Amino acid sequence: MEPLEMKIWVCIVVAYCAVSVLLWVASRFSPYEWQNSSSGPTGNRFSIQNALWFAMGALMLQGSDACPR
């Protein structure tokens, strides 16, 4: 935590949360994320947890399992 001031860390956390929420909202409006299943109702694969994990993977320059379409 020493290399950067507290204001910078707060900005990073706020940006991380904002990007995750925006990805989740975009996936809710995208018709490509919704899947029809014959046995149940239509569902969206990309949840808020997947959005947080995807943003963390992008921040750490790593991959993730669930990617938005």
Protein backbone atom coordinates (compact mmCIF):
# COMPACT_ATOMS: atom_id res chain seq x y z
CA MET A 1 0.00 0.00 0.00
CA GLU A 2 3.02 2.29 0.36
CA PRO A 3 3.80 3.13 -3.30
CA LEU A 4 0.52 4.98 -3.86
CA GLU A 5 -1.49 7.42 -1.78
CA MET A 6 -4.80 6.38 -0.27
CA LYS A 7 -6.68 8.55 -2.80
CA ILE A 8 -5.22 6.52 -5.66
CA TRP A 9 -6.22 3.20 -4.04
CA VAL A 10 -9.76 4.50 -3.50
CA CYS A 11 -9.94 5.56 -7.16
CA ILE A 12 -8.77 2.10 -8.27
CA VAL A 13 -11.41 0.36 -6.13
CA VAL A 14 -14.16 2.71 -7.33
CA ALA A 15 -13.13 2.22 -10.97
CA TYR A 16 -13.04 -1.57 -10.47
CA CYS A 17 -16.56 -1.58 -9.05
CA ALA A 18 -17.87 0.81 -11.71
CA VAL A 19 -16.43 -1.24 -14.57
CA SER A 20 -17.84 -4.45 -13.10
CA VAL A 21 -21.31 -2.99 -12.73
CA LEU A 22 -21.22 -1.50 -16.24
CA LEU A 23 -20.19 -4.87 -17.69
CA TRP A 24 -23.04 -6.56 -15.82
CA VAL A 25 -25.57 -3.95 -17.00
CA ALA A 26 -24.34 -4.26 -20.58
CA SER A 27 -24.69 -8.03 -20.43
CA ARG A 28 -28.25 -7.68 -19.13
CA PHE A 29 -29.20 -5.64 -22.21
CA SER A 30 -27.24 -7.75 -24.70
CA PRO A 31 -29.41 -10.31 -26.52
CA TYR A 32 -26.36 -12.55 -27.00
CA GLU A 33 -26.03 -13.24 -23.26
CA TRP A 34 -29.54 -14.65 -22.86
CA GLN A 35 -29.91 -18.37 -23.43
CA ASN A 36 -33.16 -20.21 -24.07
CA SER A 37 -33.41 -23.63 -22.52
CA SER A 38 -36.17 -26.01 -23.45
CA SER A 39 -36.62 -27.23 -19.87
CA GLY A 40 -36.63 -23.90 -18.03
CA PRO A 41 -36.95 -20.15 -18.30
CA THR A 42 -34.59 -17.91 -20.23
CA GLY A 43 -31.46 -17.12 -18.22
CA ASN A 44 -28.43 -14.86 -18.32
CA ARG A 45 -25.06 -16.60 -17.83
CA PHE A 46 -23.05 -13.46 -17.01
CA SER A 47 -23.90 -12.62 -13.39
CA ILE A 48 -22.57 -9.81 -11.21
CA GLN A 49 -20.11 -12.30 -9.66
CA ASN A 50 -18.81 -13.16 -13.13
CA ALA A 51 -18.49 -9.45 -13.93
CA LEU A 52 -16.43 -8.88 -10.77
CA TRP A 53 -14.23 -11.88 -11.54
CA PHE A 54 -13.77 -10.80 -15.18
CA ALA A 55 -12.78 -7.26 -14.14
CA MET A 56 -10.33 -8.62 -11.55
CA GLY A 57 -8.78 -10.90 -14.17
CA ALA A 58 -8.41 -7.95 -16.53
CA LEU A 59 -6.89 -5.82 -13.76
CA MET A 60 -4.36 -8.53 -12.92
CA LEU A 61 -3.69 -9.31 -16.60
CA GLN A 62 -4.99 -12.87 -16.19
CA GLY A 63 -7.73 -14.78 -17.97
CA SER A 64 -11.13 -15.74 -16.67
CA ASP A 65 -13.61 -18.51 -17.40
CA ALA A 66 -16.77 -16.49 -18.06
CA CYS A 67 -16.41 -13.76 -20.67
CA PRO A 68 -19.13 -11.37 -21.81
CA ARG A 69 -20.39 -11.75 -25.36
